[in-house]
């Protein structure tokens, strides 16, 4: 067994995405991904996720830091994305290329990548199912299909995409979707996507179902009115207060975005993946973009019984477009994450609001997963579920 603390494939993909798939070595502008002549579907990758501090001690180990834990040594904080030439260079001269200098190169490249995205030079972000996030451009849209010019993977890789296509028939109904942050919308996939190489470009054609109908916000129904910060019940004239229609919308959105996928014992697939994405992309330009994709999923894709029976219903029900999701803080404080949502709402029009959503800690997520594993077998007899998280 190797004693090297190697990077996982997920870590390699993320450090490449953060660098914009370009070498991070100062002065090097070389892209690391492109088409390969080996086959119509092949991709050439000359990039390397190099260790800033060596993966293991021993002869030739550069910048080894014995104070680091194995998790730190194999984590994204110890990775820098380089072309193959510069990956070799830094491991031949640790005097010139110190850990501090490499971290500065990495930070500079990630900042440049972020600025390219903000200026509009980067491609749009898409999600194909739950495990694939990629950059690309919409090449064609018809009533029955979306065709993408795929550029790079932010999460997942070519192998994962091929696996999604070949295993489409066995995928859960809730996992069959495509989302676009450029459109602020998504569709249920009506069939398996098709991959093709055209002139060196990777094209993905996704058969899509018609958009899921939304309801007027005035028809959202009603619920107990809850304080936005404490979730305490409001009492008016000695009775518990109710909220309904458009007035219920902020509370409903806050509740839905506060429930992580896997937390609801009656609906394992319901909920957002904010915690997971925060763990993977915190501190990067990608984070709000990927959170936006997750809000689009809540707005456009049915879940649970809503995807199997007509009429379809999405979790957010009345949101027709997600225009933006902006983080108002770099990290949660006291389990609260402030953010701003910019939405188009059926029957209302454009709707913007600052919200505070609940964000669990790692310990809370692990404890919740343990409790659910113990509880889920005892509730299997129930044939219904609730997606409410308003008791937080």
Protein backbone atom coordinates (compact mmCIF):
# COMPACT_ATOMS: atom_id res chain seq x y z
CA UNK A 1 0.00 0.00 0.00
CA UNK A 2 1.33 3.44 -0.94
CA UNK A 3 2.08 5.88 1.88
CA UNK A 4 1.58 8.83 -0.45
CA UNK A 5 -1.30 11.16 0.35
CA UNK A 6 -2.66 11.45 -3.17
CA UNK A 7 -5.47 13.69 -4.40
CA UNK A 8 -8.85 12.19 -5.20
CA UNK A 9 -10.23 12.62 -8.72
CA UNK A 10 -12.80 15.03 -7.31
CA UNK A 11 -10.03 17.19 -5.84
CA UNK A 12 -8.15 17.14 -9.15
CA UNK A 13 -11.27 18.23 -11.02
CA UNK A 14 -11.97 21.05 -8.58
CA UNK A 15 -8.45 22.49 -8.54
CA UNK A 16 -8.45 22.44 -12.36
CA UNK A 17 -11.82 24.21 -12.44
CA UNK A 18 -10.67 26.85 -9.97
CA UNK A 19 -7.70 27.59 -12.23
CA UNK A 20 -9.94 27.83 -15.29
CA UNK A 21 -8.17 24.75 -16.79
CA UNK A 22 -5.03 26.82 -17.29
CA UNK A 23 -1.55 26.36 -15.85
CA UNK A 24 -1.13 28.35 -12.63
CA UNK A 25 2.61 28.91 -13.06
CA UNK A 26 3.34 32.63 -13.23
CA UNK A 27 3.59 33.81 -16.83
CA UNK A 28 2.27 30.56 -18.31
CA UNK A 29 -1.00 30.94 -20.23
CA UNK A 30 -1.17 27.38 -21.49
CA UNK A 31 -4.57 25.72 -21.46
CA UNK A 32 -4.57 22.14 -20.24
CA UNK A 33 -7.59 20.59 -21.96
CA UNK A 34 -8.49 20.13 -25.61
CA UNK A 35 -9.63 17.63 -28.26
CA UNK A 36 -7.49 14.57 -29.02
CA UNK A 37 -6.96 13.04 -32.47
CA UNK A 38 -7.11 9.53 -31.01
CA UNK A 39 -10.87 9.29 -31.45
CA UNK A 40 -13.88 11.56 -32.16
CA UNK A 41 -14.71 11.61 -28.43
CA UNK A 42 -11.21 11.72 -26.93
CA UNK A 43 -9.93 14.63 -24.85
CA UNK A 44 -6.30 15.58 -24.33
CA UNK A 45 -5.33 16.68 -20.81
CA UNK A 46 -1.82 17.94 -20.16
CA UNK A 47 -2.68 19.31 -16.73
CA UNK A 48 -1.38 18.00 -13.41
CA UNK A 49 -2.70 18.51 -9.88
CA UNK A 50 0.70 18.95 -8.23
CA UNK A 51 1.41 18.82 -4.51
CA UNK A 52 2.55 22.12 -3.02
CA UNK A 53 3.96 20.18 -0.06
CA UNK A 54 5.11 16.67 -0.95
CA UNK A 55 2.70 13.76 -0.67
CA UNK A 56 5.16 11.68 1.35
CA UNK A 57 8.61 11.98 2.96
CA UNK A 58 11.72 10.49 1.43
CA UNK A 59 14.44 11.13 -1.15
CA UNK A 60 13.34 13.68 -3.72
CA UNK A 61 10.32 14.81 -1.70
CA UNK A 62 9.97 18.55 -2.19
CA UNK A 63 8.60 20.89 0.46
CA UNK A 64 7.43 18.02 2.69
CA UNK A 65 5.72 19.37 5.81
CA UNK A 66 5.57 16.87 8.65
CA UNK A 67 3.16 19.09 10.61
CA UNK A 68 0.39 18.58 8.05
CA UNK A 69 -2.28 15.92 8.58
CA UNK A 70 -2.96 13.35 5.87
CA UNK A 71 -6.24 15.13 5.12
CA UNK A 72 -4.44 18.45 4.67
CA UNK A 73 -1.74 16.87 2.51
CA UNK A 74 -4.31 15.30 0.16
CA UNK A 75 -6.75 18.23 0.30
CA UNK A 76 -7.38 20.91 -2.27
CA UNK A 77 -5.48 23.48 -0.18
CA UNK A 78 -2.27 21.58 -0.97
CA UNK A 79 -2.96 21.29 -4.70
CA UNK A 80 -1.91 23.57 -7.55
CA UNK A 81 -2.95 23.06 -11.19
CA UNK A 82 -0.01 23.13 -13.61
CA UNK A 83 0.91 22.05 -17.11
CA UNK A 84 3.10 18.94 -17.22
CA UNK A 85 6.29 20.92 -17.85
CA UNK A 86 5.88 23.22 -14.88
CA UNK A 87 4.75 20.37 -12.63
CA UNK A 88 8.17 18.77 -13.24
CA UNK A 89 10.01 22.08 -12.83
CA UNK A 90 8.70 22.85 -9.33
CA UNK A 91 9.75 19.40 -8.12
CA UNK A 92 13.35 19.97 -9.23
CA UNK A 93 13.93 23.23 -7.34
CA UNK A 94 12.34 23.67 -3.92
CA UNK A 95 14.64 26.59 -3.10
CA UNK A 96 13.21 28.75 -5.87
CA UNK A 97 9.70 27.34 -5.75
CA UNK A 98 8.82 27.48 -2.08
CA UNK A 99 5.40 26.52 -0.73
CA UNK A 100 4.60 30.19 -0.16
CA UNK A 101 5.48 31.09 -3.74
CA UNK A 102 3.40 28.26 -5.17
CA UNK A 103 0.42 29.27 -3.05
CA UNK A 104 0.78 32.82 -4.34
CA UNK A 105 0.80 31.52 -7.95
CA UNK A 106 -2.29 29.46 -7.24
CA UNK A 107 -4.13 32.40 -5.68
CA UNK A 108 -3.22 34.69 -8.59
CA UNK A 109 -4.45 32.20 -11.20
CA UNK A 110 -7.73 31.62 -9.35
CA UNK A 111 -8.28 35.37 -9.05
CA UNK A 112 -7.65 35.78 -12.79
CA UNK A 113 -10.07 32.95 -13.53
CA UNK A 114 -12.71 34.63 -11.38
CA UNK A 115 -12.22 37.95 -13.17
CA UNK A 116 -12.59 36.22 -16.54
CA UNK A 117 -15.90 34.77 -15.37
CA UNK A 118 -17.13 38.10 -14.03
CA UNK A 119 -16.27 39.88 -17.28
CA UNK A 120 -18.30 37.40 -19.28
CA UNK A 121 -15.32 35.72 -20.96
CA UNK A 122 -16.12 32.39 -19.37
CA UNK A 123 -18.79 29.95 -20.47
CA UNK A 124 -22.14 29.35 -18.80
CA UNK A 125 -22.64 26.68 -16.18
CA UNK A 126 -24.80 23.59 -16.66
CA UNK A 127 -25.75 20.61 -14.51
CA UNK A 128 -26.60 17.28 -16.14
CA UNK A 129 -28.02 15.10 -13.39
CA UNK A 130 -26.73 15.33 -9.80
CA UNK A 131 -23.06 14.51 -10.37
CA UNK A 132 -22.02 16.52 -13.45
CA UNK A 133 -21.46 20.28 -13.54
CA UNK A 134 -19.77 21.71 -16.61
CA UNK A 135 -19.09 24.93 -18.43
CA UNK A 136 -20.31 25.35 -21.97
CA UNK A 137 -22.52 27.25 -24.35
CA UNK A 138 -26.04 26.65 -25.61
CA UNK A 139 -25.61 25.77 -29.28
CA UNK A 140 -29.26 25.04 -30.07
CA UNK A 141 -32.62 24.99 -28.32
CA UNK A 142 -35.73 23.34 -29.75
CA UNK A 143 -39.06 22.44 -28.21
CA UNK A 144 -37.75 18.95 -27.56
CA UNK A 145 -34.01 19.30 -26.99
CA UNK A 146 -31.15 21.42 -25.68
CA UNK A 147 -27.75 21.08 -27.38
CA UNK A 148 -24.63 22.17 -25.49
CA UNK A 149 -21.10 22.87 -26.60
CA UNK A 150 -19.38 21.38 -23.56
CA UNK A 151 -16.05 22.95 -22.57
CA UNK A 152 -14.88 21.85 -19.14
CA UNK A 153 -16.02 19.84 -16.12
CA UNK A 154 -16.37 21.55 -12.75
CA UNK A 155 -17.76 18.41 -11.08
CA UNK A 156 -17.64 14.95 -12.61
CA UNK A 157 -15.74 14.13 -15.80
CA UNK A 158 -16.14 12.57 -19.24
CA UNK A 159 -16.32 9.09 -17.73
CA UNK A 160 -19.13 10.19 -15.39
CA UNK A 161 -21.05 11.71 -18.30
CA UNK A 162 -20.73 8.54 -20.38
CA UNK A 163 -21.89 6.56 -17.34
CA UNK A 164 -24.90 8.84 -16.92
CA UNK A 165 -25.84 8.31 -20.57
CA UNK A 166 -25.40 4.53 -20.55
CA UNK A 167 -27.15 4.11 -17.19
CA UNK A 168 -29.92 6.60 -17.83
CA UNK A 169 -32.71 4.00 -17.77
CA UNK A 170 -31.80 2.96 -14.23
CA UNK A 171 -31.41 6.48 -12.83
CA UNK A 172 -33.92 7.76 -10.29
CA UNK A 173 -36.55 10.00 -11.84
CA UNK A 174 -35.36 12.94 -9.72
CA UNK A 175 -31.85 12.64 -11.21
CA UNK A 176 -32.92 13.04 -14.83
CA UNK A 177 -32.54 16.74 -15.47
CA UNK A 178 -30.52 19.51 -17.07
CA UNK A 179 -30.08 22.97 -15.53
CA UNK A 180 -28.71 26.20 -17.04
CA UNK A 181 -27.67 29.25 -15.04
CA UNK A 182 -27.69 31.31 -18.25
CA UNK A 183 -31.39 30.57 -18.73
CA UNK A 184 -32.14 30.45 -15.01
CA UNK A 185 -34.22 27.39 -15.79
CA UNK A 186 -34.09 23.64 -16.19
CA UNK A 187 -35.89 20.71 -17.76
CA UNK A 188 -36.63 17.10 -16.98
CA UNK A 189 -34.71 14.87 -19.41
CA UNK A 190 -37.13 12.83 -21.51
CA UNK A 191 -34.36 10.52 -22.72
CA UNK A 192 -30.65 9.85 -22.43
CA UNK A 193 -28.32 12.63 -23.64
CA UNK A 194 -26.22 11.96 -26.75
CA UNK A 195 -22.54 12.89 -27.11
CA UNK A 196 -20.88 13.78 -30.42
CA UNK A 197 -17.62 15.36 -31.53
CA UNK A 198 -18.00 18.02 -34.22
CA UNK A 199 -14.91 19.79 -35.52
CA UNK A 200 -13.05 19.11 -32.30
CA UNK A 201 -15.95 20.31 -30.16
CA UNK A 202 -17.84 18.09 -27.72
CA UNK A 203 -21.57 18.47 -28.32
CA UNK A 204 -24.17 17.10 -25.90
CA UNK A 205 -27.78 16.87 -27.08
CA UNK A 206 -30.31 16.49 -24.26
CA UNK A 207 -33.90 15.44 -25.06
CA UNK A 208 -36.11 17.50 -22.77
CA UNK A 209 -39.72 17.34 -21.59
CA UNK A 210 -41.95 20.43 -21.72
CA UNK A 211 -41.46 22.88 -18.84
CA UNK A 212 -43.27 22.01 -15.63
CA UNK A 213 -46.30 24.30 -15.12
CA UNK A 214 -46.04 26.78 -12.25
CA UNK A 215 -48.86 28.10 -10.11
CA UNK A 216 -49.79 31.68 -9.28
CA UNK A 217 -48.07 32.76 -6.06
CA UNK A 218 -51.46 33.73 -4.64
CA UNK A 219 -52.32 30.01 -4.68
CA UNK A 220 -49.37 28.86 -2.60
CA UNK A 221 -51.65 28.04 0.29
CA UNK A 222 -50.98 28.96 3.91
CA UNK A 223 -49.06 27.91 6.99
CA UNK A 224 -48.24 29.08 10.49
CA UNK A 225 -46.32 32.37 10.39
CA UNK A 226 -42.75 31.92 11.65
CA UNK A 227 -40.22 34.51 12.75
CA UNK A 228 -37.52 34.69 10.01
CA UNK A 229 -34.62 34.55 12.51
CA UNK A 230 -35.86 32.35 15.35
CA UNK A 231 -38.60 30.30 13.62
CA UNK A 232 -40.83 31.01 16.62
CA UNK A 233 -44.56 31.12 16.00
CA UNK A 234 -46.21 34.52 15.79
CA UNK A 235 -49.20 35.13 18.06
CA UNK A 236 -51.86 37.71 17.17
CA UNK A 237 -54.79 38.50 19.48
CA UNK A 238 -54.11 35.36 21.47
CA UNK A 239 -54.09 33.08 18.42
CA UNK A 240 -51.30 31.64 16.29
CA UNK A 241 -50.85 33.81 13.18
CA UNK A 242 -51.12 32.40 9.67
CA UNK A 243 -49.47 33.52 6.44
CA UNK A 244 -50.72 32.79 2.92
CA UNK A 245 -50.31 33.56 -0.77
CA UNK A 246 -47.50 35.92 -1.78
CA UNK A 247 -46.86 36.75 1.89
CA UNK A 248 -46.07 33.06 2.42
CA UNK A 249 -43.43 33.04 -0.36
CA UNK A 250 -40.38 34.27 1.66
CA UNK A 251 -41.08 31.75 4.40
CA UNK A 252 -41.56 28.91 1.91
CA UNK A 253 -38.34 29.68 0.04
CA UNK A 254 -36.39 30.03 3.28
CA UNK A 255 -37.69 26.67 4.49
CA UNK A 256 -36.94 24.84 1.24
CA UNK A 257 -33.42 26.23 0.97
CA UNK A 258 -32.76 25.31 4.61
CA UNK A 259 -33.30 21.57 4.12
CA UNK A 260 -30.30 19.59 2.90
CA UNK A 261 -30.82 16.58 0.65
CA UNK A 262 -31.04 13.44 2.78
CA UNK A 263 -32.39 15.18 5.89
CA UNK A 264 -36.04 14.32 5.29
CA UNK A 265 -36.72 10.75 6.39
CA UNK A 266 -39.84 10.57 4.22
CA UNK A 267 -38.21 12.01 1.07
CA UNK A 268 -34.53 11.13 0.80
CA UNK A 269 -34.13 12.91 -2.56
CA UNK A 270 -35.77 16.16 -1.43
CA UNK A 271 -33.73 19.16 -0.36
CA UNK A 272 -30.80 21.28 -1.51
CA UNK A 273 -27.10 20.39 -1.59
CA UNK A 274 -25.83 23.70 -0.21
CA UNK A 275 -23.74 22.11 2.55
CA UNK A 276 -22.06 19.75 0.09
CA UNK A 277 -21.26 22.57 -2.35
CA UNK A 278 -20.00 24.84 0.43
CA UNK A 279 -17.56 22.13 1.47
CA UNK A 280 -16.28 21.71 -2.09
CA UNK A 281 -16.27 25.28 -3.45
CA UNK A 282 -16.11 27.67 -0.50
CA UNK A 283 -14.10 30.79 -1.30
CA UNK A 284 -14.35 30.42 -5.08
CA UNK A 285 -16.31 32.19 -7.77
CA UNK A 286 -17.96 28.87 -8.56
CA UNK A 287 -19.83 28.63 -5.25
CA UNK A 288 -22.68 31.14 -5.88
CA UNK A 289 -22.95 29.87 -9.46
CA UNK A 290 -23.41 26.27 -8.29
CA UNK A 291 -25.79 27.31 -5.51
CA UNK A 292 -27.80 29.09 -8.20
CA UNK A 293 -28.02 25.83 -10.17
CA UNK A 294 -29.37 24.14 -7.05
CA UNK A 295 -32.05 26.82 -6.62
CA UNK A 296 -32.94 26.35 -10.30
CA UNK A 297 -33.43 22.65 -9.55
CA UNK A 298 -35.88 23.54 -6.78
CA UNK A 299 -37.73 25.87 -9.15
CA UNK A 300 -37.84 23.70 -12.28
CA UNK A 301 -37.54 20.00 -11.41
CA UNK A 302 -40.26 17.96 -9.65
CA UNK A 303 -39.26 15.70 -6.78
CA UNK A 304 -40.79 12.61 -5.20
CA UNK A 305 -44.37 11.90 -6.20
CA UNK A 306 -44.44 15.17 -8.14
CA UNK A 307 -42.29 13.73 -10.90
CA UNK A 308 -44.31 10.56 -11.32
CA UNK A 309 -47.88 11.81 -11.36
CA UNK A 310 -49.67 14.57 -13.22
CA UNK A 311 -49.90 17.44 -12.74
CA UNK A 312 -46.19 17.83 -12.04
CA UNK A 313 -45.19 20.14 -9.21
CA UNK A 314 -41.79 21.61 -8.38
CA UNK A 315 -40.70 22.33 -4.79
CA UNK A 316 -40.80 26.11 -5.32
CA UNK A 317 -44.05 25.78 -7.32
CA UNK A 318 -44.38 29.39 -8.54
CA UNK A 319 -40.81 30.38 -9.55
CA UNK A 320 -40.47 30.53 -13.34
CA UNK A 321 -36.88 31.78 -13.55
CA UNK A 322 -33.90 32.14 -11.23
CA UNK A 323 -32.02 35.30 -12.22
CA UNK A 324 -29.41 35.22 -9.51
CA UNK A 325 -28.25 33.95 -6.12
CA UNK A 326 -25.80 36.18 -4.26
CA UNK A 327 -24.01 35.24 -1.06
CA UNK A 328 -24.04 38.11 1.44
CA UNK A 329 -21.46 36.45 3.69
CA UNK A 330 -18.47 34.25 3.00
CA UNK A 331 -19.56 31.66 5.56
CA UNK A 332 -22.49 30.85 7.86
CA UNK A 333 -22.63 32.37 11.32
CA UNK A 334 -24.57 30.63 14.08
CA UNK A 335 -25.96 28.24 11.46
CA UNK A 336 -27.36 31.13 9.41
CA UNK A 337 -26.27 31.98 5.86
CA UNK A 338 -27.50 35.30 4.42
CA UNK A 339 -28.14 35.41 0.70
CA UNK A 340 -30.06 37.42 -1.88
CA UNK A 341 -32.33 35.73 -4.42
CA UNK A 342 -33.52 37.32 -7.65
CA UNK A 343 -36.48 35.44 -9.11
CA UNK A 344 -39.33 35.64 -11.59
CA UNK A 345 -42.53 34.57 -9.82
CA UNK A 346 -45.77 33.53 -11.51
CA UNK A 347 -48.45 36.13 -10.83
CA UNK A 348 -45.96 38.59 -9.28
CA UNK A 349 -43.16 39.27 -11.76
CA UNK A 350 -39.60 39.94 -10.73
CA UNK A 351 -39.10 39.32 -7.00
CA UNK A 352 -35.94 40.04 -5.01
CA UNK A 353 -35.39 39.33 -1.34
CA UNK A 354 -32.62 38.96 1.24
CA UNK A 355 -33.05 35.76 3.24
CA UNK A 356 -31.24 33.93 6.01
CA UNK A 357 -31.24 30.18 5.54
CA UNK A 358 -30.23 27.45 7.96
CA UNK A 359 -26.85 25.84 7.26
CA UNK A 360 -25.75 22.86 9.38
CA UNK A 361 -22.18 22.27 10.55
CA UNK A 362 -20.19 19.19 9.57
CA UNK A 363 -20.84 17.61 12.98
CA UNK A 364 -24.57 18.26 12.62
CA UNK A 365 -24.64 16.72 9.15
CA UNK A 366 -22.78 13.62 10.34
CA UNK A 367 -25.02 13.25 13.38
CA UNK A 368 -28.11 13.74 11.22
CA UNK A 369 -26.94 11.07 8.78
CA UNK A 370 -26.37 8.64 11.65
CA UNK A 371 -29.84 9.27 13.10
CA UNK A 372 -31.48 8.91 9.71
CA UNK A 373 -29.72 5.60 9.08
CA UNK A 374 -31.22 4.35 12.34
CA UNK A 375 -34.66 5.84 11.76
CA UNK A 376 -35.31 5.17 8.08
CA UNK A 377 -35.98 1.40 8.39
CA UNK A 378 -38.67 2.06 11.00
CA UNK A 379 -40.64 4.40 8.72
CA UNK A 380 -40.52 2.33 5.54
CA UNK A 381 -44.17 1.36 6.04
CA UNK A 382 -45.32 4.94 5.44
CA UNK A 383 -46.39 5.75 1.90
CA UNK A 384 -46.40 9.52 2.20
CA UNK A 385 -43.88 12.19 3.04
CA UNK A 386 -43.55 15.86 3.83
CA UNK A 387 -40.88 18.18 2.45
CA UNK A 388 -41.43 20.86 5.10
CA UNK A 389 -38.44 22.13 7.05
CA UNK A 390 -40.23 25.01 8.69
CA UNK A 391 -39.66 23.70 12.20
CA UNK A 392 -36.01 24.71 12.09
